[in-house]
Amino acid sequence: MLWGAITACGPVALIRVDGRIDSGAYEVLFERLLPYLEKHGRDLVFQQDKCLVHTSRRLGQFFWREGIEVRFLLNSILIFLFSIFKFTRADQSVVESSENVAEGC
């Protein structure tokens, strides 16, 4: 399985995880992101899909302790996935024209 983090500045991490991820493993993954967050600001939202590991007490306490906002945004995930599957070469100009959106990063 791959676990990733994406920001307006681009991808932050793509980590290969063998086996299942429990709340302890998620906490370790987020701890690896903390140096990046300290460097680039901590104004972020964790977008999750209500999977049990995402809603565990341990992970909830970690998010609270670190001041990370958590939202349930399944519609955004579905829209994103739909856009990937419907992407055609004709849409390439849209991608190219929006590449500099995060210039200040």
PDB file of N, CA and C in Angstrom:
ATOM      1  N   MET A   1       0.839  -1.164   0.000  1.00  0.00           N
ATOM      2  CA  MET A   1       0.000   0.000   0.000  1.00  0.00           C
ATOM      3  C   MET A   1       0.890   1.235   0.000  1.00  0.00           C
ATOM      4  N   LEU A   2       0.408   2.292  -0.625  1.00  0.00           N
ATOM      5  CA  LEU A   2       1.112   3.569  -0.609  1.00  0.00           C
ATOM      6  C   LEU A   2       0.312   4.570   0.205  1.00  0.00           C
ATOM      7  N   TRP A   3       1.013   5.339   0.999  1.00  0.00           N
ATOM      8  CA  TRP A   3       0.410   6.411   1.769  1.00  0.00           C
ATOM      9  C   TRP A   3       1.067   7.696   1.326  1.00  0.00           C
ATOM     10  N   GLY A   4       0.253   8.708   1.049  1.00  0.00           N
ATOM     11  CA  GLY A   4       0.836   9.945   0.557  1.00  0.00           C
ATOM     12  C   GLY A   4       0.242  11.171   1.197  1.00  0.00           C
ATOM     13  N   ALA A   5       0.984  12.250   1.088  1.00  0.00           N
ATOM     14  CA  ALA A   5       0.527  13.557   1.542  1.00  0.00           C
ATOM     15  C   ALA A   5       0.768  14.545   0.409  1.00  0.00           C
ATOM     16  N   ILE A   6      -0.237  15.376   0.157  1.00  0.00           N
ATOM     17  CA  ILE A   6      -0.167  16.347  -0.925  1.00  0.00           C
ATOM     18  C   ILE A   6      -0.570  17.708  -0.367  1.00  0.00           C
ATOM     19  N   THR A   7       0.153  18.747  -0.764  1.00  0.00           N
ATOM     20  CA  THR A   7      -0.183  20.107  -0.358  1.00  0.00           C
ATOM     21  C   THR A   7      -0.306  20.981  -1.597  1.00  0.00           C
ATOM     22  N   ALA A   8      -0.658  22.245  -1.384  1.00  0.00           N
ATOM     23  CA  ALA A   8      -0.716  23.195  -2.493  1.00  0.00           C
ATOM     24  C   ALA A   8       0.659  23.379  -3.113  1.00  0.00           C
ATOM     25  N   CYS A   9       1.706  23.071  -2.359  1.00  0.00           N
ATOM     26  CA  CYS A   9       3.080  23.196  -2.857  1.00  0.00           C
ATOM     27  C   CYS A   9       3.534  21.947  -3.594  1.00  0.00           C
ATOM     28  N   GLY A  10       2.691  20.936  -3.644  1.00  0.00           N
ATOM     29  CA  GLY A  10       3.045  19.697  -4.322  1.00  0.00           C
ATOM     30  C   GLY A  10       3.096  18.528  -3.363  1.00  0.00           C
ATOM     31  N   PRO A  11       3.561  17.386  -3.838  1.00  0.00           N
ATOM     32  CA  PRO A  11       3.629  16.200  -2.983  1.00  0.00           C
ATOM     33  C   PRO A  11       4.656  16.383  -1.873  1.00  0.00           C
ATOM     34  N   VAL A  12       4.310  15.874  -0.713  1.00  0.00           N
ATOM     35  CA  VAL A  12       5.190  15.957   0.453  1.00  0.00           C
ATOM     36  C   VAL A  12       5.839  14.609   0.710  1.00  0.00           C
ATOM     37  N   ALA A  13       5.023  13.557   0.654  1.00  0.00           N
ATOM     38  CA  ALA A  13       5.544  12.236   0.985  1.00  0.00           C
ATOM     39  C   ALA A  13       4.773  11.172   0.228  1.00  0.00           C
ATOM     40  N   LEU A  14       5.462  10.136  -0.139  1.00  0.00           N
ATOM     41  CA  LEU A  14       4.856   8.935  -0.684  1.00  0.00           C
ATOM     42  C   LEU A  14       5.615   7.786  -0.050  1.00  0.00           C
ATOM     43  N   ILE A  15       4.949   7.104   0.854  1.00  0.00           N
ATOM     44  CA  ILE A  15       5.610   6.103   1.678  1.00  0.00           C
ATOM     45  C   ILE A  15       4.980   4.746   1.413  1.00  0.00           C
ATOM     46  N   ARG A  16       5.811   3.755   1.125  1.00  0.00           N
ATOM     47  CA  ARG A  16       5.320   2.392   0.937  1.00  0.00           C
ATOM     48  C   ARG A  16       5.166   1.752   2.309  1.00  0.00           C
ATOM     49  N   VAL A  17       4.008   1.145   2.523  1.00  0.00           N
ATOM     50  CA  VAL A  17       3.705   0.503   3.795  1.00  0.00           C
ATOM     51  C   VAL A  17       3.370  -0.949   3.509  1.00  0.00           C
ATOM     52  N   ASP A  18       4.100  -1.846   4.131  1.00  0.00           N
ATOM     53  CA  ASP A  18       3.816  -3.271   3.986  1.00  0.00           C
ATOM     54  C   ASP A  18       2.786  -3.683   5.030  1.00  0.00           C
ATOM     55  N   GLY A  19       1.789  -4.423   4.597  1.00  0.00           N
ATOM     56  CA  GLY A  19       0.769  -4.897   5.524  1.00  0.00           C
ATOM     57  C   GLY A  19      -0.267  -3.833   5.830  1.00  0.00           C
ATOM     58  N   ARG A  20      -0.965  -4.048   6.934  1.00  0.00           N
ATOM     59  CA  ARG A  20      -2.036  -3.149   7.346  1.00  0.00           C
ATOM     60  C   ARG A  20      -1.487  -1.985   8.153  1.00  0.00           C
ATOM     61  N   ILE A  21      -2.223  -0.909   8.137  1.00  0.00           N
ATOM     62  CA  ILE A  21      -1.844   0.257   8.938  1.00  0.00           C
ATOM     63  C   ILE A  21      -2.813   0.364  10.109  1.00  0.00           C
ATOM     64  N   ASP A  22      -2.257   0.398  11.317  1.00  0.00           N
ATOM     65  CA  ASP A  22      -3.081   0.642  12.490  1.00  0.00           C
ATOM     66  C   ASP A  22      -2.838   2.072  12.964  1.00  0.00           C
ATOM     67  N   SER A  23      -3.496   2.462  14.049  1.00  0.00           N
ATOM     68  CA  SER A  23      -3.377   3.851  14.502  1.00  0.00           C
ATOM     69  C   SER A  23      -1.951   4.194  14.909  1.00  0.00           C
ATOM     70  N   GLY A  24      -1.206   3.231  15.441  1.00  0.00           N
ATOM     71  CA  GLY A  24       0.193   3.478  15.799  1.00  0.00           C
ATOM     72  C   GLY A  24       1.040   3.769  14.577  1.00  0.00           C
ATOM     73  N   ALA A  25       0.805   3.017  13.495  1.00  0.00           N
ATOM     74  CA  ALA A  25       1.553   3.245  12.254  1.00  0.00           C
ATOM     75  C   ALA A  25       1.206   4.610  11.664  1.00  0.00           C
ATOM     76  N   TYR A  26      -0.078   4.996  11.728  1.00  0.00           N
ATOM     77  CA  TYR A  26      -0.461   6.317  11.234  1.00  0.00           C
ATOM     78  C   TYR A  26       0.217   7.415  12.039  1.00  0.00           C
ATOM     79  N   GLU A  27       0.297   7.224  13.339  1.00  0.00           N
ATOM     80  CA  GLU A  27       0.949   8.228  14.177  1.00  0.00           C
ATOM     81  C   GLU A  27       2.417   8.384  13.780  1.00  0.00           C
ATOM     82  N   VAL A  28       3.093   7.275  13.499  1.00  0.00           N
ATOM     83  CA  VAL A  28       4.490   7.332  13.056  1.00  0.00           C
ATOM     84  C   VAL A  28       4.593   8.074  11.724  1.00  0.00           C
ATOM     85  N   LEU A  29       3.675   7.791  10.792  1.00  0.00           N
ATOM     86  CA  LEU A  29       3.687   8.484   9.501  1.00  0.00           C
ATOM     87  C   LEU A  29       3.545   9.991   9.689  1.00  0.00           C
ATOM     88  N   PHE A  30       2.606  10.402  10.536  1.00  0.00           N
ATOM     89  CA  PHE A  30       2.407  11.829  10.758  1.00  0.00           C
ATOM     90  C   PHE A  30       3.588  12.455  11.480  1.00  0.00           C
ATOM     91  N   GLU A  31       4.209  11.715  12.383  1.00  0.00           N
ATOM     92  CA  GLU A  31       5.396  12.245  13.055  1.00  0.00           C
ATOM     93  C   GLU A  31       6.513  12.513  12.050  1.00  0.00           C
ATOM     94  N   ARG A  32       6.588  11.696  10.997  1.00  0.00           N
ATOM     95  CA  ARG A  32       7.588  11.926   9.944  1.00  0.00           C
ATOM     96  C   ARG A  32       7.286  13.199   9.156  1.00  0.00           C
ATOM     97  N   LEU A  33       6.012  13.607   9.140  1.00  0.00           N
ATOM     98  CA  LEU A  33       5.630  14.823   8.429  1.00  0.00           C
ATOM     99  C   LEU A  33       5.838  16.092   9.254  1.00  0.00           C
ATOM    100  N   LEU A  34       5.943  15.968  10.568  1.00  0.00           N
ATOM    101  CA  LEU A  34       6.027  17.153  11.419  1.00  0.00           C
ATOM    102  C   LEU A  34       7.169  18.094  11.048  1.00  0.00           C
ATOM    103  N   PRO A  35       8.374  17.602  10.718  1.00  0.00           N
ATOM    104  CA  PRO A  35       9.432  18.539  10.312  1.00  0.00           C
ATOM    105  C   PRO A  35       9.034  19.374   9.085  1.00  0.00           C
ATOM    106  N   TYR A  36       8.354  18.763   8.126  1.00  0.00           N
ATOM    107  CA  TYR A  36       7.882  19.505   6.955  1.00  0.00           C
ATOM    108  C   TYR A  36       6.874  20.564   7.385  1.00  0.00           C
ATOM    109  N   LEU A  37       5.966  20.174   8.268  1.00  0.00           N
ATOM    110  CA  LEU A  37       4.938  21.105   8.715  1.00  0.00           C
ATOM    111  C   LEU A  37       5.547  22.274   9.472  1.00  0.00           C
ATOM    112  N   GLU A  38       6.577  22.010  10.266  1.00  0.00           N
ATOM    113  CA  GLU A  38       7.255  23.085  10.988  1.00  0.00           C
ATOM    114  C   GLU A  38       7.919  24.054  10.013  1.00  0.00           C
ATOM    115  N   LYS A  39       8.453  23.538   8.934  1.00  0.00           N
ATOM    116  CA  LYS A  39       9.162  24.365   7.953  1.00  0.00           C
ATOM    117  C   LYS A  39       8.207  25.177   7.078  1.00  0.00           C
ATOM    118  N   HIS A  40       7.085  24.580   6.690  1.00  0.00           N
ATOM    119  CA  HIS A  40       6.189  25.200   5.714  1.00  0.00           C
ATOM    120  C   HIS A  40       4.869  25.676   6.302  1.00  0.00           C
ATOM    121  N   GLY A  41       4.706  25.573   7.583  1.00  0.00           N
ATOM    122  CA  GLY A  41       3.460  26.009   8.201  1.00  0.00           C
ATOM    123  C   GLY A  41       2.537  24.844   8.474  1.00  0.00           C
ATOM    124  N   ARG A  42       1.741  24.993   9.500  1.00  0.00           N
ATOM    125  CA  ARG A  42       0.902  23.890   9.945  1.00  0.00           C
ATOM    126  C   ARG A  42      -0.569  24.122   9.626  1.00  0.00           C
ATOM    127  N   ASP A  43      -0.854  24.977   8.693  1.00  0.00           N
ATOM    128  CA  ASP A  43      -2.229  25.240   8.309  1.00  0.00           C
ATOM    129  C   ASP A  43      -2.677  24.128   7.363  1.00  0.00           C
ATOM    130  N   LEU A  44      -3.177  23.038   7.932  1.00  0.00           N
ATOM    131  CA  LEU A  44      -3.540  21.895   7.107  1.00  0.00           C
ATOM    132  C   LEU A  44      -4.790  21.224   7.634  1.00  0.00           C
ATOM    133  N   VAL A  45      -5.376  20.413   6.784  1.00  0.00           N
ATOM    134  CA  VAL A  45      -6.544  19.618   7.128  1.00  0.00           C
ATOM    135  C   VAL A  45      -6.246  18.189   6.719  1.00  0.00           C
ATOM    136  N   PHE A  46      -6.518  17.235   7.616  1.00  0.00           N
ATOM    137  CA  PHE A  46      -6.388  15.822   7.280  1.00  0.00           C
ATOM    138  C   PHE A  46      -7.708  15.386   6.674  1.00  0.00           C
ATOM    139  N   GLN A  47      -7.678  14.990   5.428  1.00  0.00           N
ATOM    140  CA  GLN A  47      -8.873  14.545   4.724  1.00  0.00           C
ATOM    141  C   GLN A  47      -8.942  13.038   4.842  1.00  0.00           C
ATOM    142  N   GLN A  48     -10.023  12.542   5.432  1.00  0.00           N
ATOM    143  CA  GLN A  48     -10.121  11.109   5.661  1.00  0.00           C
ATOM    144  C   GLN A  48     -11.490  10.588   5.251  1.00  0.00           C
ATOM    145  N   ASP A  49     -11.593   9.277   5.218  1.00  0.00           N
ATOM    146  CA  ASP A  49     -12.806   8.643   4.706  1.00  0.00           C
ATOM    147  C   ASP A  49     -13.567   7.838   5.750  1.00  0.00           C
ATOM    148  N   LYS A  50     -13.382   8.146   7.027  1.00  0.00           N
ATOM    149  CA  LYS A  50     -14.077   7.485   8.139  1.00  0.00           C
ATOM    150  C   LYS A  50     -13.669   6.025   8.325  1.00  0.00           C
ATOM    151  N   CYS A  51     -12.558   5.607   7.753  1.00  0.00           N
ATOM    152  CA  CYS A  51     -12.025   4.277   8.022  1.00  0.00           C
ATOM    153  C   CYS A  51     -11.764   4.191   9.526  1.00  0.00           C
ATOM    154  N   LEU A  52     -11.967   3.038  10.129  1.00  0.00           N
ATOM    155  CA  LEU A  52     -11.832   2.911  11.582  1.00  0.00           C
ATOM    156  C   LEU A  52     -10.481   3.377  12.104  1.00  0.00           C
ATOM    157  N   VAL A  53      -9.407   3.100  11.372  1.00  0.00           N
ATOM    158  CA  VAL A  53      -8.089   3.522  11.848  1.00  0.00           C
ATOM    159  C   VAL A  53      -7.990   5.048  11.869  1.00  0.00           C
ATOM    160  N   HIS A  54      -8.671   5.729  10.960  1.00  0.00           N
ATOM    161  CA  HIS A  54      -8.635   7.192  10.922  1.00  0.00           C
ATOM    162  C   HIS A  54      -9.388   7.805  12.094  1.00  0.00           C
ATOM    163  N   THR A  55     -10.374   7.096  12.606  1.00  0.00           N
ATOM    164  CA  THR A  55     -11.213   7.633  13.671  1.00  0.00           C
ATOM    165  C   THR A  55     -10.865   7.052  15.033  1.00  0.00           C
ATOM    166  N   SER A  56      -9.739   6.383  15.143  1.00  0.00           N
ATOM    167  CA  SER A  56      -9.350   5.789  16.427  1.00  0.00           C
ATOM    168  C   SER A  56      -9.068   6.873  17.462  1.00  0.00           C
ATOM    169  N   ARG A  57      -9.250   6.525  18.720  1.00  0.00           N
ATOM    170  CA  ARG A  57      -8.988   7.462  19.812  1.00  0.00           C
ATOM    171  C   ARG A  57      -7.527   7.908  19.791  1.00  0.00           C
ATOM    172  N   ARG A  58      -6.616   6.971  19.576  1.00  0.00           N
ATOM    173  CA  ARG A  58      -5.185   7.296  19.586  1.00  0.00           C
ATOM    174  C   ARG A  58      -4.843   8.334  18.521  1.00  0.00           C
ATOM    175  N   LEU A  59      -5.333   8.130  17.300  1.00  0.00           N
ATOM    176  CA  LEU A  59      -5.041   9.074  16.226  1.00  0.00           C
ATOM    177  C   LEU A  59      -5.754  10.403  16.467  1.00  0.00           C
ATOM    178  N   GLY A  60      -6.978  10.337  16.994  1.00  0.00           N
ATOM    179  CA  GLY A  60      -7.699  11.568  17.332  1.00  0.00           C
ATOM    180  C   GLY A  60      -6.950  12.402  18.353  1.00  0.00           C
ATOM    181  N   GLN A  61      -6.383  11.732  19.360  1.00  0.00           N
ATOM    182  CA  GLN A  61      -5.591  12.446  20.364  1.00  0.00           C
ATOM    183  C   GLN A  61      -4.339  13.048  19.741  1.00  0.00           C
ATOM    184  N   PHE A  62      -3.712  12.334  18.812  1.00  0.00           N
ATOM    185  CA  PHE A  62      -2.528  12.858  18.131  1.00  0.00           C
ATOM    186  C   PHE A  62      -2.885  14.121  17.347  1.00  0.00           C
ATOM    187  N   PHE A  63      -3.980  14.063  16.573  1.00  0.00           N
ATOM    188  CA  PHE A  63      -4.398  15.230  15.799  1.00  0.00           C
ATOM    189  C   PHE A  63      -4.695  16.411  16.721  1.00  0.00           C
ATOM    190  N   TRP A  64      -5.391  16.152  17.826  1.00  0.00           N
ATOM    191  CA  TRP A  64      -5.719  17.220  18.767  1.00  0.00           C
ATOM    192  C   TRP A  64      -4.445  17.817  19.360  1.00  0.00           C
ATOM    193  N   ARG A  65      -3.537  16.954  19.784  1.00  0.00           N
ATOM    194  CA  ARG A  65      -2.281  17.401  20.406  1.00  0.00           C
ATOM    195  C   ARG A  65      -1.456  18.247  19.434  1.00  0.00           C
ATOM    196  N   GLU A  66      -1.468  17.882  18.154  1.00  0.00           N
ATOM    197  CA  GLU A  66      -0.670  18.588  17.149  1.00  0.00           C
ATOM    198  C   GLU A  66      -1.428  19.732  16.476  1.00  0.00           C
ATOM    199  N   GLY A  67      -2.704  19.914  16.830  1.00  0.00           N
ATOM    200  CA  GLY A  67      -3.492  21.003  16.255  1.00  0.00           C
ATOM    201  C   GLY A  67      -3.853  20.797  14.798  1.00  0.00           C
ATOM    202  N   ILE A  68      -4.068  19.544  14.395  1.00  0.00           N
ATOM    203  CA  ILE A  68      -4.407  19.219  13.007  1.00  0.00           C
ATOM    204  C   ILE A  68      -5.918  19.054  12.890  1.00  0.00           C
ATOM    205  N   GLU A  69      -6.531  19.844  12.009  1.00  0.00           N
ATOM    206  CA  GLU A  69      -7.965  19.752  11.778  1.00  0.00           C
ATOM    207  C   GLU A  69      -8.269  18.493  10.964  1.00  0.00           C
ATOM    208  N   VAL A  70      -9.367  17.816  11.320  1.00  0.00           N
ATOM    209  CA  VAL A  70      -9.764  16.596  10.619  1.00  0.00           C
ATOM    210  C   VAL A  70     -11.153  16.818  10.030  1.00  0.00           C
ATOM    211  N   ARG A  71     -11.303  16.487   8.755  1.00  0.00           N
ATOM    212  CA  ARG A  71     -12.600  16.608   8.078  1.00  0.00           C
ATOM    213  C   ARG A  71     -12.916  15.333   7.316  1.00  0.00           C
ATOM    214  N   PHE A  72     -14.203  15.099   7.179  1.00  0.00           N
ATOM    215  CA  PHE A  72     -14.691  14.004   6.353  1.00  0.00           C
ATOM    216  C   PHE A  72     -15.091  14.594   5.009  1.00  0.00           C
ATOM    217  N   LEU A  73     -14.320  14.309   3.963  1.00  0.00           N
ATOM    218  CA  LEU A  73     -14.534  14.919   2.653  1.00  0.00           C
ATOM    219  C   LEU A  73     -14.625  13.869   1.554  1.00  0.00           C
ATOM    220  N   LEU A  74     -15.464  12.880   1.723  1.00  0.00           N
ATOM    221  CA  LEU A  74     -15.559  11.818   0.729  1.00  0.00           C
ATOM    222  C   LEU A  74     -15.940  12.356  -0.642  1.00  0.00           C
ATOM    223  N   ASN A  75     -16.824  13.350  -0.696  1.00  0.00           N
ATOM    224  CA  ASN A  75     -17.217  13.878  -2.005  1.00  0.00           C
ATOM    225  C   ASN A  75     -16.017  14.411  -2.773  1.00  0.00           C
ATOM    226  N   SER A  76     -15.092  15.079  -2.086  1.00  0.00           N
ATOM    227  CA  SER A  76     -13.896  15.594  -2.755  1.00  0.00           C
ATOM    228  C   SER A  76     -13.053  14.455  -3.307  1.00  0.00           C
ATOM    229  N   ILE A  77     -12.955  13.373  -2.552  1.00  0.00           N
ATOM    230  CA  ILE A  77     -12.184  12.214  -3.000  1.00  0.00           C
ATOM    231  C   ILE A  77     -12.821  11.626  -4.253  1.00  0.00           C
ATOM    232  N   LEU A  78     -14.134  11.471  -4.234  1.00  0.00           N
ATOM    233  CA  LEU A  78     -14.823  10.900  -5.390  1.00  0.00           C
ATOM    234  C   LEU A  78     -14.683  11.795  -6.614  1.00  0.00           C
ATOM    235  N   ILE A  79     -14.796  13.102  -6.429  1.00  0.00           N
ATOM    236  CA  ILE A  79     -14.631  14.028  -7.549  1.00  0.00           C
ATOM    237  C   ILE A  79     -13.225  13.915  -8.119  1.00  0.00           C
ATOM    238  N   PHE A  80     -12.219  13.840  -7.238  1.00  0.00           N
ATOM    239  CA  PHE A  80     -10.835  13.707  -7.677  1.00  0.00           C
ATOM    240  C   PHE A  80     -10.640  12.418  -8.476  1.00  0.00           C
ATOM    241  N   LEU A  81     -11.121  11.297  -7.950  1.00  0.00           N
ATOM    242  CA  LEU A  81     -10.962  10.021  -8.649  1.00  0.00           C
ATOM    243  C   LEU A  81     -11.698  10.035  -9.984  1.00  0.00           C
ATOM    244  N   PHE A  82     -12.890  10.599 -10.007  1.00  0.00           N
ATOM    245  CA  PHE A  82     -13.643  10.683 -11.252  1.00  0.00           C
ATOM    246  C   PHE A  82     -12.865  11.494 -12.285  1.00  0.00           C
ATOM    247  N   SER A  83     -12.242  12.587 -11.847  1.00  0.00           N
ATOM    248  CA  SER A  83     -11.491  13.419 -12.790  1.00  0.00           C
ATOM    249  C   SER A  83     -10.297  12.671 -13.362  1.00  0.00           C
ATOM    250  N   ILE A  84      -9.697  11.797 -12.580  1.00  0.00           N
ATOM    251  CA  ILE A  84      -8.570  11.007 -13.074  1.00  0.00           C
ATOM    252  C   ILE A  84      -9.029  10.058 -14.177  1.00  0.00           C
ATOM    253  N   PHE A  85     -10.139   9.379 -13.938  1.00  0.00           N
ATOM    254  CA  PHE A  85     -10.611   8.398 -14.902  1.00  0.00           C
ATOM    255  C   PHE A  85     -11.164   9.043 -16.169  1.00  0.00           C
ATOM    256  N   LYS A  86     -11.650  10.274 -16.087  1.00  0.00           N
ATOM    257  CA  LYS A  86     -12.208  10.959 -17.244  1.00  0.00           C
ATOM    258  C   LYS A  86     -11.174  11.837 -17.948  1.00  0.00           C
ATOM    259  N   PHE A  87      -9.944  11.869 -17.457  1.00  0.00           N
ATOM    260  CA  PHE A  87      -8.889  12.723 -18.004  1.00  0.00           C
ATOM    261  C   PHE A  87      -8.507  12.254 -19.403  1.00  0.00           C
ATOM    262  N   THR A  88      -8.453  13.189 -20.324  1.00  0.00           N
ATOM    263  CA  THR A  88      -8.044  12.867 -21.693  1.00  0.00           C
ATOM    264  C   THR A  88      -6.912  13.799 -22.103  1.00  0.00           C
ATOM    265  N   ARG A  89      -6.267  13.496 -23.220  1.00  0.00           N
ATOM    266  CA  ARG A  89      -5.181  14.356 -23.697  1.00  0.00           C
ATOM    267  C   ARG A  89      -5.684  15.762 -24.018  1.00  0.00           C
ATOM    268  N   ALA A  90      -6.930  15.890 -24.399  1.00  0.00           N
ATOM    269  CA  ALA A  90      -7.484  17.213 -24.693  1.00  0.00           C
ATOM    270  C   ALA A  90      -7.469  18.100 -23.452  1.00  0.00           C
ATOM    271  N   ASP A  91      -7.501  17.483 -22.271  1.00  0.00           N
ATOM    272  CA  ASP A  91      -7.495  18.235 -21.022  1.00  0.00           C
ATOM    273  C   ASP A  91      -6.094  18.662 -20.599  1.00  0.00           C
ATOM    274  N   GLN A  92      -5.063  18.252 -21.305  1.00  0.00           N
ATOM    275  CA  GLN A  92      -3.682  18.536 -20.911  1.00  0.00           C
ATOM    276  C   GLN A  92      -3.427  20.040 -20.795  1.00  0.00           C
ATOM    277  N   SER A  93      -4.030  20.840 -21.677  1.00  0.00           N
ATOM    278  CA  SER A  93      -3.796  22.291 -21.627  1.00  0.00           C
ATOM    279  C   SER A  93      -4.302  22.886 -20.320  1.00  0.00           C
ATOM    280  N   VAL A  94      -5.365  22.337 -19.756  1.00  0.00           N
ATOM    281  CA  VAL A  94      -5.878  22.820 -18.474  1.00  0.00           C
ATOM    282  C   VAL A  94      -4.854  22.563 -17.382  1.00  0.00           C
ATOM    283  N   VAL A  95      -4.253  21.379 -17.377  1.00  0.00           N
ATOM    284  CA  VAL A  95      -3.244  21.035 -16.381  1.00  0.00           C
ATOM    285  C   VAL A  95      -2.034  21.934 -16.527  1.00  0.00           C
ATOM    286  N   GLU A  96      -1.567  22.116 -17.759  1.00  0.00           N
ATOM    287  CA  GLU A  96      -0.379  22.937 -17.992  1.00  0.00           C
ATOM    288  C   GLU A  96      -0.603  24.381 -17.575  1.00  0.00           C
ATOM    289  N   SER A  97      -1.800  24.911 -17.776  1.00  0.00           N
ATOM    290  CA  SER A  97      -2.055  26.307 -17.429  1.00  0.00           C
ATOM    291  C   SER A  97      -2.212  26.504 -15.932  1.00  0.00           C
ATOM    292  N   SER A  98      -2.455  25.431 -15.174  1.00  0.00           N
ATOM    293  CA  SER A  98      -2.637  25.571 -13.731  1.00  0.00           C
ATOM    294  C   SER A  98      -1.416  25.123 -12.943  1.00  0.00           C
ATOM    295  N   GLU A  99      -0.309  24.801 -13.612  1.00  0.00           N
ATOM    296  CA  GLU A  99       0.866  24.288 -12.910  1.00  0.00           C
ATOM    297  C   GLU A  99       1.506  25.315 -11.991  1.00  0.00           C
ATOM    298  N   ASN A 100       1.352  26.585 -12.255  1.00  0.00           N
ATOM    299  CA  ASN A 100       2.011  27.610 -11.454  1.00  0.00           C
ATOM    300  C   ASN A 100       1.126  28.167 -10.348  1.00  0.00           C
ATOM    301  N   VAL A 101       0.040  27.492 -10.023  1.00  0.00           N
ATOM    302  CA  VAL A 101      -0.875  27.965  -8.995  1.00  0.00           C
ATOM    303  C   VAL A 101      -0.163  28.098  -7.656  1.00  0.00           C
ATOM    304  N   ALA A 102       0.726  27.174  -7.329  1.00  0.00           N
ATOM    305  CA  ALA A 102       1.398  27.169  -6.030  1.00  0.00           C
ATOM    306  C   ALA A 102       2.789  27.793  -6.111  1.00  0.00           C
ATOM    307  N   GLU A 103       2.938  28.835  -6.921  1.00  0.00           N
ATOM    308  CA  GLU A 103       4.249  29.444  -7.135  1.00  0.00           C
ATOM    309  C   GLU A 103       4.923  29.906  -5.861  1.00  0.00           C
ATOM    310  N   GLY A 104       4.160  30.365  -4.893  1.00  0.00           N
ATOM    311  CA  GLY A 104       4.757  30.911  -3.681  1.00  0.00           C
ATOM    312  C   GLY A 104       5.284  29.872  -2.719  1.00  0.00           C
ATOM    313  N   CYS A 105       5.222  28.622  -3.068  1.00  0.00           N
ATOM    314  CA  CYS A 105       5.634  27.555  -2.148  1.00  0.00           C
ATOM    315  C   CYS A 105       7.134  27.360  -2.159  1.00  0.00           C
TER     316      CYS A 105
END
